[in-house]
Amino acid sequence: HGTYPFVTSSNTLPAMAATGTGLG
């Protein structure tokens, strides 16, 4: 959702807090 391709290599959205930790 960023200014691709000038972005980082991960998802930085708040939704990643669940995916990136395993908390629902």
PDB file of all heavy atoms in Angstrom:
ATOM      1  N   HIS A   1       0.795  -1.224   0.000  1.00  0.00           N
ATOM      2  CA  HIS A   1       0.000   0.000   0.000  1.00  0.00           C
ATOM      3  C   HIS A   1       0.829   1.275   0.000  1.00  0.00           C
ATOM      4  O   HIS A   1       0.267   2.372   0.048  1.00  0.00           O
ATOM      5  CB  HIS A   1      -0.948   0.001   1.203  1.00  0.00           C
ATOM      6  CG  HIS A   1      -1.954  -1.106   1.164  1.00  0.00           C
ATOM      7  ND1 HIS A   1      -3.104  -1.041   0.407  1.00  0.00           N
ATOM      8  CD2 HIS A   1      -1.976  -2.312   1.784  1.00  0.00           C
ATOM      9  CE1 HIS A   1      -3.798  -2.148   0.567  1.00  0.00           C
ATOM     10  NE2 HIS A   1      -3.135  -2.942   1.401  1.00  0.00           N
ATOM     11  N   GLY A   2       2.139   1.151  -0.049  1.00  0.00           N
ATOM     12  CA  GLY A   2       3.004   2.317  -0.045  1.00  0.00           C
ATOM     13  C   GLY A   2       3.357   2.784  -1.450  1.00  0.00           C
ATOM     14  O   GLY A   2       2.747   2.367  -2.442  1.00  0.00           O
ATOM     15  N   THR A   3       4.350   3.676  -1.540  1.00  0.00           N
ATOM     16  CA  THR A   3       4.770   4.241  -2.822  1.00  0.00           C
ATOM     17  C   THR A   3       5.719   3.278  -3.538  1.00  0.00           C
ATOM     18  O   THR A   3       6.905   3.562  -3.758  1.00  0.00           O
ATOM     19  CB  THR A   3       5.435   5.620  -2.616  1.00  0.00           C
ATOM     20  OG1 THR A   3       6.423   5.524  -1.559  1.00  0.00           O
ATOM     21  CG2 THR A   3       4.392   6.654  -2.213  1.00  0.00           C
ATOM     22  N   TYR A   4       5.185   2.142  -3.907  1.00  0.00           N
ATOM     23  CA  TYR A   4       5.910   1.064  -4.571  1.00  0.00           C
ATOM     24  C   TYR A   4       6.516   1.532  -5.904  1.00  0.00           C
ATOM     25  O   TYR A   4       5.866   2.251  -6.654  1.00  0.00           O
ATOM     26  CB  TYR A   4       4.940  -0.094  -4.824  1.00  0.00           C
ATOM     27  CG  TYR A   4       5.566  -1.375  -5.296  1.00  0.00           C
ATOM     28  CD1 TYR A   4       5.980  -2.354  -4.381  1.00  0.00           C
ATOM     29  CD2 TYR A   4       5.738  -1.619  -6.641  1.00  0.00           C
ATOM     30  CE1 TYR A   4       6.540  -3.549  -4.826  1.00  0.00           C
ATOM     31  CE2 TYR A   4       6.316  -2.811  -7.089  1.00  0.00           C
ATOM     32  CZ  TYR A   4       6.707  -3.766  -6.173  1.00  0.00           C
ATOM     33  OH  TYR A   4       7.264  -4.955  -6.600  1.00  0.00           O
ATOM     34  N   PRO A   5       7.776   1.172  -6.201  1.00  0.00           N
ATOM     35  CA  PRO A   5       8.670   0.233  -5.523  1.00  0.00           C
ATOM     36  C   PRO A   5       9.541   0.856  -4.435  1.00  0.00           C
ATOM     37  O   PRO A   5      10.413   0.181  -3.874  1.00  0.00           O
ATOM     38  CB  PRO A   5       9.546  -0.282  -6.659  1.00  0.00           C
ATOM     39  CG  PRO A   5       9.690   0.912  -7.559  1.00  0.00           C
ATOM     40  CD  PRO A   5       8.361   1.623  -7.502  1.00  0.00           C
ATOM     41  N   PHE A   6       9.329   2.148  -4.152  1.00  0.00           N
ATOM     42  CA  PHE A   6      10.159   2.844  -3.157  1.00  0.00           C
ATOM     43  C   PHE A   6       9.585   2.623  -1.755  1.00  0.00           C
ATOM     44  O   PHE A   6       9.118   3.551  -1.082  1.00  0.00           O
ATOM     45  CB  PHE A   6      10.239   4.336  -3.509  1.00  0.00           C
ATOM     46  CG  PHE A   6      10.781   4.586  -4.888  1.00  0.00           C
ATOM     47  CD1 PHE A   6       9.923   4.748  -5.971  1.00  0.00           C
ATOM     48  CD2 PHE A   6      12.142   4.628  -5.118  1.00  0.00           C
ATOM     49  CE1 PHE A   6      10.412   4.969  -7.254  1.00  0.00           C
ATOM     50  CE2 PHE A   6      12.640   4.841  -6.395  1.00  0.00           C
ATOM     51  CZ  PHE A   6      11.777   5.004  -7.461  1.00  0.00           C
ATOM     52  N   VAL A   7       9.629   1.361  -1.339  1.00  0.00           N
ATOM     53  CA  VAL A   7       9.013   0.936  -0.087  1.00  0.00           C
ATOM     54  C   VAL A   7       9.960  -0.010   0.643  1.00  0.00           C
ATOM     55  O   VAL A   7      11.016  -0.373   0.129  1.00  0.00           O
ATOM     56  CB  VAL A   7       7.665   0.229  -0.347  1.00  0.00           C
ATOM     57  CG1 VAL A   7       6.637   1.208  -0.890  1.00  0.00           C
ATOM     58  CG2 VAL A   7       7.845  -0.948  -1.322  1.00  0.00           C
ATOM     59  N   THR A   8       9.573  -0.416   1.831  1.00  0.00           N
ATOM     60  CA  THR A   8      10.314  -1.443   2.544  1.00  0.00           C
ATOM     61  C   THR A   8       9.832  -2.812   2.067  1.00  0.00           C
ATOM     62  O   THR A   8       8.960  -2.910   1.202  1.00  0.00           O
ATOM     63  CB  THR A   8      10.161  -1.276   4.067  1.00  0.00           C
ATOM     64  OG1 THR A   8      11.125  -2.080   4.749  1.00  0.00           O
ATOM     65  CG2 THR A   8       8.756  -1.641   4.540  1.00  0.00           C
ATOM     66  N   SER A   9      10.374  -3.886   2.635  1.00  0.00           N
ATOM     67  CA  SER A   9      10.080  -5.231   2.135  1.00  0.00           C
ATOM     68  C   SER A   9       9.056  -5.976   2.977  1.00  0.00           C
ATOM     69  O   SER A   9       8.852  -7.173   2.797  1.00  0.00           O
ATOM     70  CB  SER A   9      11.370  -6.053   2.064  1.00  0.00           C
ATOM     71  OG  SER A   9      12.299  -5.444   1.196  1.00  0.00           O
ATOM     72  N   SER A  10       8.410  -5.282   3.882  1.00  0.00           N
ATOM     73  CA  SER A  10       7.409  -5.915   4.729  1.00  0.00           C
ATOM     74  C   SER A  10       6.125  -5.114   4.712  1.00  0.00           C
ATOM     75  O   SER A  10       6.071  -3.989   4.214  1.00  0.00           O
ATOM     76  CB  SER A  10       7.925  -6.044   6.177  1.00  0.00           C
ATOM     77  OG  SER A  10       8.176  -4.760   6.741  1.00  0.00           O
ATOM     78  N   ASN A  11       5.076  -5.697   5.270  1.00  0.00           N
ATOM     79  CA  ASN A  11       3.824  -4.983   5.463  1.00  0.00           C
ATOM     80  C   ASN A  11       3.892  -4.185   6.751  1.00  0.00           C
ATOM     81  O   ASN A  11       4.129  -4.746   7.823  1.00  0.00           O
ATOM     82  CB  ASN A  11       2.646  -5.937   5.497  1.00  0.00           C
ATOM     83  CG  ASN A  11       2.331  -6.520   4.134  1.00  0.00           C
ATOM     84  OD1 ASN A  11       2.560  -7.697   3.879  1.00  0.00           O
ATOM     85  ND2 ASN A  11       1.793  -5.714   3.245  1.00  0.00           N
ATOM     86  N   THR A  12       3.698  -2.880   6.660  1.00  0.00           N
ATOM     87  CA  THR A  12       3.814  -1.992   7.808  1.00  0.00           C
ATOM     88  C   THR A  12       2.464  -1.569   8.372  1.00  0.00           C
ATOM     89  O   THR A  12       2.403  -0.780   9.318  1.00  0.00           O
ATOM     90  CB  THR A  12       4.613  -0.730   7.423  1.00  0.00           C
ATOM     91  OG1 THR A  12       3.921  -0.042   6.360  1.00  0.00           O
ATOM     92  CG2 THR A  12       6.016  -1.088   6.943  1.00  0.00           C
ATOM     93  N   LEU A  13       1.378  -2.082   7.799  1.00  0.00           N
ATOM     94  CA  LEU A  13       0.049  -1.733   8.275  1.00  0.00           C
ATOM     95  C   LEU A  13      -0.215  -2.306   9.673  1.00  0.00           C
ATOM     96  O   LEU A  13       0.370  -3.319  10.058  1.00  0.00           O
ATOM     97  CB  LEU A  13      -1.019  -2.243   7.309  1.00  0.00           C
ATOM     98  CG  LEU A  13      -1.510  -1.259   6.252  1.00  0.00           C
ATOM     99  CD1 LEU A  13      -0.395  -0.935   5.278  1.00  0.00           C
ATOM    100  CD2 LEU A  13      -2.713  -1.836   5.482  1.00  0.00           C
ATOM    101  N   PRO A  14      -1.119  -1.696  10.425  1.00  0.00           N
ATOM    102  CA  PRO A  14      -1.458  -2.224  11.759  1.00  0.00           C
ATOM    103  C   PRO A  14      -1.918  -3.676  11.746  1.00  0.00           C
ATOM    104  O   PRO A  14      -1.714  -4.396  12.728  1.00  0.00           O
ATOM    105  CB  PRO A  14      -2.577  -1.290  12.221  1.00  0.00           C
ATOM    106  CG  PRO A  14      -2.395  -0.035  11.447  1.00  0.00           C
ATOM    107  CD  PRO A  14      -1.824  -0.438  10.126  1.00  0.00           C
ATOM    108  N   ALA A  15      -2.547  -4.106  10.647  1.00  0.00           N
ATOM    109  CA  ALA A  15      -3.004  -5.495  10.555  1.00  0.00           C
ATOM    110  C   ALA A  15      -1.855  -6.488  10.718  1.00  0.00           C
ATOM    111  O   ALA A  15      -2.059  -7.630  11.147  1.00  0.00           O
ATOM    112  CB  ALA A  15      -3.712  -5.725   9.225  1.00  0.00           C
ATOM    113  N   MET A  16      -0.641  -6.044  10.398  1.00  0.00           N
ATOM    114  CA  MET A  16       0.529  -6.909  10.522  1.00  0.00           C
ATOM    115  C   MET A  16       0.839  -7.238  11.980  1.00  0.00           C
ATOM    116  O   MET A  16       1.550  -8.200  12.261  1.00  0.00           O
ATOM    117  CB  MET A  16       1.744  -6.241   9.859  1.00  0.00           C
ATOM    118  CG  MET A  16       2.981  -7.104   9.764  1.00  0.00           C
ATOM    119  SD  MET A  16       2.751  -8.543   8.697  1.00  0.00           S
ATOM    120  CE  MET A  16       4.300  -9.422   9.009  1.00  0.00           C
ATOM    121  N   ALA A  17       0.305  -6.459  12.910  1.00  0.00           N
ATOM    122  CA  ALA A  17       0.516  -6.741  14.334  1.00  0.00           C
ATOM    123  C   ALA A  17      -0.016  -8.124  14.694  1.00  0.00           C
ATOM    124  O   ALA A  17       0.550  -8.812  15.544  1.00  0.00           O
ATOM    125  CB  ALA A  17      -0.144  -5.677  15.204  1.00  0.00           C
ATOM    126  N   ALA A  18      -1.099  -8.525  14.052  1.00  0.00           N
ATOM    127  CA  ALA A  18      -1.656  -9.858  14.278  1.00  0.00           C
ATOM    128  C   ALA A  18      -0.835 -10.918  13.542  1.00  0.00           C
ATOM    129  O   ALA A  18      -0.397 -11.909  14.133  1.00  0.00           O
ATOM    130  CB  ALA A  18      -3.117  -9.898  13.836  1.00  0.00           C
ATOM    131  N   THR A  19      -0.600 -10.706  12.261  1.00  0.00           N
ATOM    132  CA  THR A  19       0.141 -11.666  11.446  1.00  0.00           C
ATOM    133  C   THR A  19       1.574 -11.834  11.937  1.00  0.00           C
ATOM    134  O   THR A  19       2.109 -12.937  11.950  1.00  0.00           O
ATOM    135  CB  THR A  19       0.149 -11.210   9.973  1.00  0.00           C
ATOM    136  OG1 THR A  19      -1.180 -10.953   9.540  1.00  0.00           O
ATOM    137  CG2 THR A  19       0.773 -12.268   9.086  1.00  0.00           C
ATOM    138  N   GLY A  20       2.192 -10.731  12.337  1.00  0.00           N
ATOM    139  CA  GLY A  20       3.595 -10.753  12.718  1.00  0.00           C
ATOM    140  C   GLY A  20       3.878 -11.182  14.133  1.00  0.00           C
ATOM    141  O   GLY A  20       5.035 -11.162  14.574  1.00  0.00           O
ATOM    142  N   THR A  21       2.832 -11.602  14.874  1.00  0.00           N
ATOM    143  CA  THR A  21       3.023 -12.059  16.251  1.00  0.00           C
ATOM    144  C   THR A  21       2.269 -13.338  16.580  1.00  0.00           C
ATOM    145  O   THR A  21       2.664 -14.079  17.476  1.00  0.00           O
ATOM    146  CB  THR A  21       2.583 -10.989  17.261  1.00  0.00           C
ATOM    147  OG1 THR A  21       1.166 -10.740  17.123  1.00  0.00           O
ATOM    148  CG2 THR A  21       3.358  -9.697  17.058  1.00  0.00           C
ATOM    149  N   GLY A  22       1.163 -13.574  15.870  1.00  0.00           N
ATOM    150  CA  GLY A  22       0.328 -14.725  16.170  1.00  0.00           C
ATOM    151  C   GLY A  22      -0.794 -14.437  17.144  1.00  0.00           C
ATOM    152  O   GLY A  22      -1.503 -15.339  17.566  1.00  0.00           O
ATOM    153  N   LEU A  23      -0.966 -13.171  17.500  1.00  0.00           N
ATOM    154  CA  LEU A  23      -2.100 -12.794  18.330  1.00  0.00           C
ATOM    155  C   LEU A  23      -3.287 -12.480  17.420  1.00  0.00           C
ATOM    156  O   LEU A  23      -3.143 -11.786  16.423  1.00  0.00           O
ATOM    157  CB  LEU A  23      -1.773 -11.576  19.193  1.00  0.00           C
ATOM    158  CG  LEU A  23      -2.860 -11.177  20.207  1.00  0.00           C
ATOM    159  CD1 LEU A  23      -2.921 -12.185  21.344  1.00  0.00           C
ATOM    160  CD2 LEU A  23      -2.609  -9.776  20.751  1.00  0.00           C
ATOM    161  N   GLY A  24      -4.454 -12.983  17.762  1.00  0.00           N
ATOM    162  CA  GLY A  24      -5.618 -12.770  16.915  1.00  0.00           C
ATOM    163  C   GLY A  24      -5.982 -11.305  16.771  1.00  0.00           C
ATOM    164  O   GLY A  24      -5.841 -10.525  17.724  1.00  0.00           O
TER     165      GLY A  24
END
